[in-house]
C-alpha atoms as a PDB file:
ATOM      1  CA  MET A   1       0.000   0.000   0.000  1.00  0.00           C
ATOM      2  CA  VAL A   2       1.347   3.430  -0.986  1.00  0.00           C
ATOM      3  CA  THR A   3       2.079   5.683   1.979  1.00  0.00           C
ATOM      4  CA  ASP A   4       0.969   9.322   2.066  1.00  0.00           C
ATOM      5  CA  THR A   5       4.537  10.529   1.523  1.00  0.00           C
ATOM      6  CA  GLU A   6       5.136   8.144  -1.403  1.00  0.00           C
ATOM      7  CA  TYR A   7       1.869   9.237  -2.998  1.00  0.00           C
ATOM      8  CA  ILE A   8       2.802  12.935  -2.732  1.00  0.00           C
ATOM      9  CA  VAL A   9       6.312  12.364  -4.104  1.00  0.00           C
ATOM     10  CA  ALA A  10       4.859  10.439  -7.055  1.00  0.00           C
ATOM     11  CA  CYS A  11       2.384  13.266  -7.791  1.00  0.00           C
ATOM     12  CA  ILE A  12       5.155  15.895  -7.667  1.00  0.00           C
ATOM     13  CA  SER A  13       7.265  13.822 -10.058  1.00  0.00           C
ATOM     14  CA  GLN A  14       4.291  13.773 -12.444  1.00  0.00           C
ATOM     15  CA  GLY A  15       4.118  17.562 -12.475  1.00  0.00           C
ATOM     16  CA  CYS A  16       1.847  18.359  -9.539  1.00  0.00           C
ATOM     17  CA  VAL A  17       2.305  22.004  -8.547  1.00  0.00           C
ATOM     18  CA  MET A  18       2.899  22.858  -4.896  1.00  0.00           C
ATOM     19  CA  LEU A  19       1.208  26.041  -3.641  1.00  0.00           C
ATOM     20  CA  SER A  20       3.275  28.653  -1.875  1.00  0.00           C
ATOM     21  CA  ASP A  21       2.480  29.612   1.720  1.00  0.00           C
ATOM     22  CA  GLY A  22       0.702  32.784   0.583  1.00  0.00           C
ATOM     23  CA  GLU A  23      -1.403  30.894  -1.982  1.00  0.00           C
ATOM     24  CA  PHE A  24      -2.721  28.259   0.409  1.00  0.00           C
ATOM     25  CA  LEU A  25      -5.230  30.160   2.527  1.00  0.00           C
ATOM     26  CA  ILE A  26      -8.204  28.092   3.637  1.00  0.00           C
ATOM     27  CA  ASP A  27     -11.617  29.752   3.909  1.00  0.00           C
ATOM     28  CA  ARG A  28     -12.324  28.237   7.321  1.00  0.00           C
ATOM     29  CA  LEU A  29     -12.061  25.109   9.442  1.00  0.00           C
ATOM     30  CA  VAL A  30     -15.276  23.701  10.934  1.00  0.00           C
ATOM     31  CA  LYS A  31     -15.256  21.351  13.917  1.00  0.00           C
ATOM     32  CA  TYR A  32     -18.261  19.032  14.018  1.00  0.00           C
ATOM     33  CA  VAL A  33     -19.001  17.426  17.375  1.00  0.00           C
ATOM     34  CA  GLY A  34     -21.514  14.657  18.010  1.00  0.00           C
ATOM     35  CA  ASN A  35     -22.067  10.919  18.457  1.00  0.00           C
ATOM     36  CA  GLY A  36     -18.851  10.698  20.462  1.00  0.00           C
ATOM     37  CA  ARG A  37     -16.744  11.743  17.470  1.00  0.00           C
ATOM     38  CA  ILE A  38     -15.033  14.888  16.267  1.00  0.00           C
ATOM     39  CA  ARG A  39     -14.799  15.620  12.557  1.00  0.00           C
ATOM     40  CA  TRP A  40     -13.023  18.521  10.904  1.00  0.00           C
ATOM     41  CA  HIS A  41     -13.971  20.054   7.566  1.00  0.00           C
ATOM     42  CA  VAL A  42     -11.458  22.248   5.745  1.00  0.00           C
ATOM     43  CA  GLU A  43     -13.226  24.598   3.336  1.00  0.00           C
ATOM     44  CA  PHE A  44     -10.996  25.788   0.516  1.00  0.00           C
ATOM     45  CA  ARG A  45     -12.082  27.497  -2.735  1.00  0.00           C
ATOM     46  CA  GLY A  46     -15.488  25.827  -2.771  1.00  0.00           C
ATOM     47  CA  HIS A  47     -14.165  22.404  -1.715  1.00  0.00           C
ATOM     48  CA  ARG A  48     -14.904  20.768   1.631  1.00  0.00           C
ATOM     49  CA  VAL A  49     -12.432  18.139   2.794  1.00  0.00           C
ATOM     50  CA  GLU A  50     -13.158  16.037   5.882  1.00  0.00           C
ATOM     51  CA  PHE A  51     -10.398  15.060   8.323  1.00  0.00           C
ATOM     52  CA  THR A  52     -10.032  13.194  11.567  1.00  0.00           C
ATOM     53  CA  THR A  53      -7.993  14.868  14.304  1.00  0.00           C
ATOM     54  CA  GLY A  54      -5.133  12.463  13.594  1.00  0.00           C
ATOM     55  CA  GLN A  55      -5.104  13.338   9.896  1.00  0.00           C
ATOM     56  CA  LEU A  56      -4.975  17.052  10.704  1.00  0.00           C
ATOM     57  CA  LYS A  57      -2.011  16.519  13.015  1.00  0.00           C
ATOM     58  CA  LYS A  58      -0.022  14.533  10.440  1.00  0.00           C
ATOM     59  CA  GLN A  59       1.274  16.723   7.628  1.00  0.00           C
ATOM     60  CA  PRO A  60       1.596  13.954   4.968  1.00  0.00           C
ATOM     61  CA  ALA A  61      -1.995  12.805   5.576  1.00  0.00           C
ATOM     62  CA  PHE A  62      -3.245  16.400   5.442  1.00  0.00           C
ATOM     63  CA  ARG A  63      -1.409  17.181   2.218  1.00  0.00           C
ATOM     64  CA  ARG A  64      -2.536  13.959   0.551  1.00  0.00           C
ATOM     65  CA  LYS A  65      -6.232  14.525   1.282  1.00  0.00           C
ATOM     66  CA  MET A  66      -6.043  18.137   0.062  1.00  0.00           C
ATOM     67  CA  LEU A  67      -4.351  16.907  -3.112  1.00  0.00           C
ATOM     68  CA  GLU A  68      -6.875  14.120  -3.705  1.00  0.00           C
ATOM     69  CA  GLN A  69     -10.054  16.045  -2.927  1.00  0.00           C
ATOM     70  CA  ALA A  70      -9.283  19.711  -3.644  1.00  0.00           C
ATOM     71  CA  GLY A  71      -6.610  19.283  -6.305  1.00  0.00           C
ATOM     72  CA  VAL A  72      -4.067  21.429  -4.450  1.00  0.00           C
ATOM     73  CA  LEU A  73      -0.839  20.532  -2.682  1.00  0.00           C
ATOM     74  CA  PRO A  74      -0.085  22.773   0.317  1.00  0.00           C
ATOM     75  CA  LEU A  75       3.503  23.879   0.882  1.00  0.00           C
ATOM     76  CA  GLN A  76       5.527  21.445   2.991  1.00  0.00           C
ATOM     77  CA  ARG A  77       6.476  22.964   6.325  1.00  0.00           C
ATOM     78  CA  ALA A  78       9.114  21.965   8.838  1.00  0.00           C
ATOM     79  CA  GLY A  79       7.737  19.540  11.426  1.00  0.00           C
ATOM     80  CA  ALA A  80       7.557  21.998  14.338  1.00  0.00           C
ATOM     81  CA  ASP A  81       6.226  24.750  12.060  1.00  0.00           C
ATOM     82  CA  TYR A  82       3.427  22.502  10.792  1.00  0.00           C
ATOM     83  CA  ARG A  83       2.466  21.447  14.328  1.00  0.00           C
ATOM     84  CA  ARG A  84       2.172  25.110  15.392  1.00  0.00           C
ATOM     85  CA  TRP A  85       0.176  25.923  12.240  1.00  0.00           C
ATOM     86  CA  ALA A  86      -2.203  22.988  12.827  1.00  0.00           C
ATOM     87  CA  ILE A  87      -2.718  23.979  16.484  1.00  0.00           C
ATOM     88  CA  ASP A  88      -3.439  27.611  15.536  1.00  0.00           C
ATOM     89  CA  LEU A  89      -5.827  26.406  12.834  1.00  0.00           C
ATOM     90  CA  ARG A  90      -7.784  24.240  15.274  1.00  0.00           C
ATOM     91  CA  LYS A  91      -8.004  27.125  17.749  1.00  0.00           C
ATOM     92  CA  THR A  92      -9.772  29.274  15.144  1.00  0.00           C
ATOM     93  CA  ALA A  93     -12.229  26.521  14.085  1.00  0.00           C
ATOM     94  CA  ILE A  94     -15.961  27.171  14.076  1.00  0.00           C
ATOM     95  CA  GLU A  95     -17.713  24.536  16.207  1.00  0.00           C
ATOM     96  CA  LEU A  96     -21.048  23.121  15.062  1.00  0.00           C
ATOM     97  CA  PRO A  97     -23.162  20.136  16.173  1.00  0.00           C
ATOM     98  CA  TRP A  98     -22.874  17.174  13.820  1.00  0.00           C
ATOM     99  CA  ARG A  99     -26.609  17.252  13.008  1.00  0.00           C
ATOM    100  CA  ASP A 100     -26.015  20.619  11.312  1.00  0.00           C
ATOM    101  CA  ARG A 101     -23.252  19.283   9.099  1.00  0.00           C
ATOM    102  CA  PRO A 102     -23.210  20.265   5.399  1.00  0.00           C
ATOM    103  CA  VAL A 103     -24.929  17.709   3.215  1.00  0.00           C
ATOM    104  CA  ASP A 104     -23.908  17.398  -0.426  1.00  0.00           C
ATOM    105  CA  ALA A 105     -25.981  14.379  -1.437  1.00  0.00           C
ATOM    106  CA  GLY A 106     -29.618  15.013  -2.238  1.00  0.00           C
ATOM    107  CA  PHE A 107     -29.337  18.809  -2.000  1.00  0.00           C
ATOM    108  CA  ALA A 108     -32.530  20.494  -3.213  1.00  0.00           C
ATOM    109  CA  ILE A 109     -33.928  23.914  -2.424  1.00  0.00           C
ATOM    110  CA  ASP A 110     -37.629  24.302  -1.629  1.00  0.00           C
ATOM    111  CA  ARG A 111     -38.111  27.284  -3.933  1.00  0.00           C
ATOM    112  CA  LEU A 112     -36.532  30.397  -5.423  1.00  0.00           C
ATOM    113  CA  VAL A 113     -38.516  33.617  -4.961  1.00  0.00           C
ATOM    114  CA  SER A 114     -38.091  36.728  -7.111  1.00  0.00           C
ATOM    115  CA  LEU A 115     -38.401  39.999  -5.187  1.00  0.00           C
ATOM    116  CA  GLY A 116     -37.736  42.140  -8.273  1.00  0.00           C
ATOM    117  CA  ASP A 117     -34.811  44.510  -8.922  1.00  0.00           C
ATOM    118  CA  ASP A 118     -32.332  41.606  -9.169  1.00  0.00           C
ATOM    119  CA  ARG A 119     -33.167  40.450  -5.633  1.00  0.00           C
ATOM    120  CA  TRP A 120     -34.037  36.857  -4.736  1.00  0.00           C
ATOM    121  CA  THR A 121     -34.559  34.588  -1.769  1.00  0.00           C
ATOM    122  CA  VAL A 122     -33.779  30.875  -1.604  1.00  0.00           C
ATOM    123  CA  ASP A 123     -36.047  28.872   0.697  1.00  0.00           C
ATOM    124  CA  TYR A 124     -34.237  25.880   2.171  1.00  0.00           C
ATOM    125  CA  GLN A 125     -35.595  23.759   5.044  1.00  0.00           C
ATOM    126  CA  GLY A 126     -37.289  26.673   6.780  1.00  0.00           C
ATOM    127  CA  LYS A 127     -34.442  29.132   6.175  1.00  0.00           C
ATOM    128  CA  VAL A 128     -34.715  32.123   3.819  1.00  0.00           C
ATOM    129  CA  ILE A 129     -31.411  33.224   2.270  1.00  0.00           C
ATOM    130  CA  LYS A 130     -31.142  36.486   0.343  1.00  0.00           C
ATOM    131  CA  PHE A 131     -29.241  36.731  -2.960  1.00  0.00           C
ATOM    132  CA  THR A 132     -28.600  39.132  -5.786  1.00  0.00           C
ATOM    133  CA  THR A 133     -28.735  37.847  -9.372  1.00  0.00           C
ATOM    134  CA  THR A 134     -24.932  38.048  -9.577  1.00  0.00           C
ATOM    135  CA  LYS A 135     -24.421  35.918  -6.460  1.00  0.00           C
ATOM    136  CA  LEU A 136     -26.973  33.376  -7.677  1.00  0.00           C
ATOM    137  CA  ARG A 137     -25.234  32.954 -11.028  1.00  0.00           C
ATOM    138  CA  ARG A 138     -21.746  32.582  -9.513  1.00  0.00           C
ATOM    139  CA  GLN A 139     -21.490  29.048  -8.154  1.00  0.00           C
ATOM    140  CA  THR A 140     -18.745  29.859  -5.662  1.00  0.00           C
ATOM    141  CA  SER A 141     -20.771  32.761  -4.200  1.00  0.00           C
ATOM    142  CA  PHE A 142     -23.925  30.632  -4.065  1.00  0.00           C
ATOM    143  CA  ARG A 143     -22.208  27.725  -2.295  1.00  0.00           C
ATOM    144  CA  LYS A 144     -20.393  29.943   0.213  1.00  0.00           C
ATOM    145  CA  ARG A 145     -23.569  31.846   1.112  1.00  0.00           C
ATOM    146  CA  MET A 146     -25.601  28.641   1.511  1.00  0.00           C
ATOM    147  CA  LEU A 147     -22.874  27.246   3.746  1.00  0.00           C
ATOM    148  CA  LEU A 148     -22.735  30.423   5.827  1.00  0.00           C
ATOM    149  CA  LYS A 149     -26.478  30.993   6.194  1.00  0.00           C
ATOM    150  CA  ALA A 150     -27.989  27.501   5.998  1.00  0.00           C
ATOM    151  CA  LYS A 151     -25.062  25.296   7.138  1.00  0.00           C
ATOM    152  CA  VAL A 152     -25.272  23.270   3.921  1.00  0.00           C
ATOM    153  CA  LEU A 153     -22.750  23.056   1.108  1.00  0.00           C
ATOM    154  CA  PRO A 154     -24.392  22.340  -2.265  1.00  0.00           C
ATOM    155  CA  PRO A 155     -22.560  19.889  -4.542  1.00  0.00           C
ATOM    156  CA  GLN A 156     -19.867  21.227  -6.861  1.00  0.00           C
ATOM    157  CA  LEU A 157     -21.186  21.162 -10.448  1.00  0.00           C
ATOM    158  CA  ASP A 158     -19.295  21.795 -13.640  1.00  0.00           C
ATOM    159  CA  ALA A 159     -19.854  25.302 -15.026  1.00  0.00           C
ATOM    160  CA  VAL A 160     -22.304  24.283 -17.782  1.00  0.00           C
ATOM    161  CA  ALA A 161     -24.421  22.095 -15.476  1.00  0.00           C
ATOM    162  CA  TYR A 162     -24.612  24.828 -12.829  1.00  0.00           C
ATOM    163  CA  ARG A 163     -25.608  27.450 -15.393  1.00  0.00           C
ATOM    164  CA  LYS A 164     -28.397  25.228 -16.760  1.00  0.00           C
ATOM    165  CA  TRP A 165     -29.646  24.434 -13.247  1.00  0.00           C
ATOM    166  CA  MET A 166     -29.686  28.089 -12.222  1.00  0.00           C
ATOM    167  CA  ASP A 167     -31.384  29.143 -15.491  1.00  0.00           C
ATOM    168  CA  TRP A 168     -34.109  26.582 -14.798  1.00  0.00           C
ATOM    169  CA  LEU A 169     -34.535  27.823 -11.214  1.00  0.00           C
ATOM    170  CA  ILE A 170     -34.829  31.441 -12.354  1.00  0.00           C
ATOM    171  CA  GLU A 171     -37.313  30.555 -15.104  1.00  0.00           C
ATOM    172  CA  ASN A 172     -39.490  28.709 -12.593  1.00  0.00           C
ATOM    173  CA  ALA A 173     -39.039  31.123  -9.679  1.00  0.00           C
ATOM    174  CA  THR A 174     -42.034  32.168  -7.613  1.00  0.00           C
ATOM    175  CA  LYS A 175     -42.825  35.878  -7.780  1.00  0.00           C
ATOM    176  CA  ALA A 176     -43.320  37.567  -4.437  1.00  0.00           C
ATOM    177  CA  VAL A 177     -46.722  39.200  -3.988  1.00  0.00           C
ATOM    178  CA  PRO A 178     -46.338  42.961  -3.329  1.00  0.00           C
ATOM    179  CA  LEU A 179     -47.471  43.914   0.149  1.00  0.00           C
ATOM    180  CA  ALA A 180     -50.162  46.292  -1.145  1.00  0.00           C
ATOM    181  CA  ALA A 181     -51.627  43.610  -3.418  1.00  0.00           C
ATOM    182  CA  GLU A 182     -51.488  41.065  -0.618  1.00  0.00           C
ATOM    183  CA  ALA A 183     -53.317  43.421   1.718  1.00  0.00           C
ATOM    184  CA  SER A 184     -56.025  44.137  -0.860  1.00  0.00           C
ATOM    185  CA  MET A 185     -56.490  40.405  -1.448  1.00  0.00           C
ATOM    186  CA  ASN A 186     -56.927  39.841   2.273  1.00  0.00           C
ATOM    187  CA  GLU A 187     -59.502  42.626   2.488  1.00  0.00           C
ATOM    188  CA  LYS A 188     -61.474  41.307  -0.516  1.00  0.00           C
ATOM    189  CA  SER A 189     -64.692  39.649   0.514  1.00  0.00           C
ATOM    190  CA  TRP A 190     -64.798  35.892   0.043  1.00  0.00           C
ATOM    191  CA  LEU A 191     -68.259  36.421  -1.460  1.00  0.00           C
ATOM    192  CA  ASP A 192     -66.619  38.044  -4.495  1.00  0.00           C
ATOM    193  CA  ASP A 193     -64.897  34.753  -5.267  1.00  0.00           C
ATOM    194  CA  LEU A 194     -68.016  32.632  -5.213  1.00  0.00           C
ATOM    195  CA  PRO A 195     -69.012  32.970  -8.913  1.00  0.00           C
ATOM    196  CA  GLU A 196     -65.456  32.197 -10.072  1.00  0.00           C
ATOM    197  CA  LEU A 197     -65.029  29.293  -7.676  1.00  0.00           C
ATOM    198  CA  ALA A 198     -68.347  27.815  -8.821  1.00  0.00           C
ATOM    199  CA  GLY A 199     -67.367  28.119 -12.453  1.00  0.00           C
ATOM    200  CA  TRP A 200     -69.941  30.787 -13.190  1.00  0.00           C
ATOM    201  CA  GLN A 201     -69.329  33.285 -15.974  1.00  0.00           C
ATOM    202  CA  ASN A 202     -70.512  36.862 -15.742  1.00  0.00           C
ATOM    203  CA  GLU A 203     -72.559  37.752 -18.777  1.00  0.00           C
ATOM    204  CA  VAL A 204     -71.370  40.801 -20.654  1.00  0.00           C
ATOM    205  CA  THR A 205     -74.185  43.128 -21.573  1.00  0.00           C
ATOM    206  CA  ASP A 206     -74.089  46.216 -23.714  1.00  0.00           C
END
């Protein structure tokens, strides 16, 4: 079985590019606690890579998983330097209960609502998340905002598939009822609806 170090060396020999220290800046580290286990999710450029505590502490294991799942190879640090970096990283982690973990598989929003003027809301499991048209159409912005506001990370789609999905959502979006119209509808007598509900047609007379 190939070790983590052997795997990384083989990838470098095949032309894998190693990021510099300034280039490898993770978006955040999330610590999920529950069921007697701790899981860590590194979020980096739209990717979410899961680690155990042991994998985070071991530099070869950390670099291998980032390479396999995010397609990037972090800079190799000296042993003591990496240990300090990993400790500092864990200290800044956001802690969430495991039941609120991001879920890629089966992701589906309840509905997209158009508010007009390039403003939208995404309804997802009781949460309402606000978007502009620009943020909706940019997959990275959409995924980051869903993760921040709804604690869910939608699956990463290729550019064409995401564009088609978002076009379909926008075409089938629900239009918000203006407050004035909603108020007038509430004030309208239910008696006025009786002929229409019964299928009656009002005769037009000259």
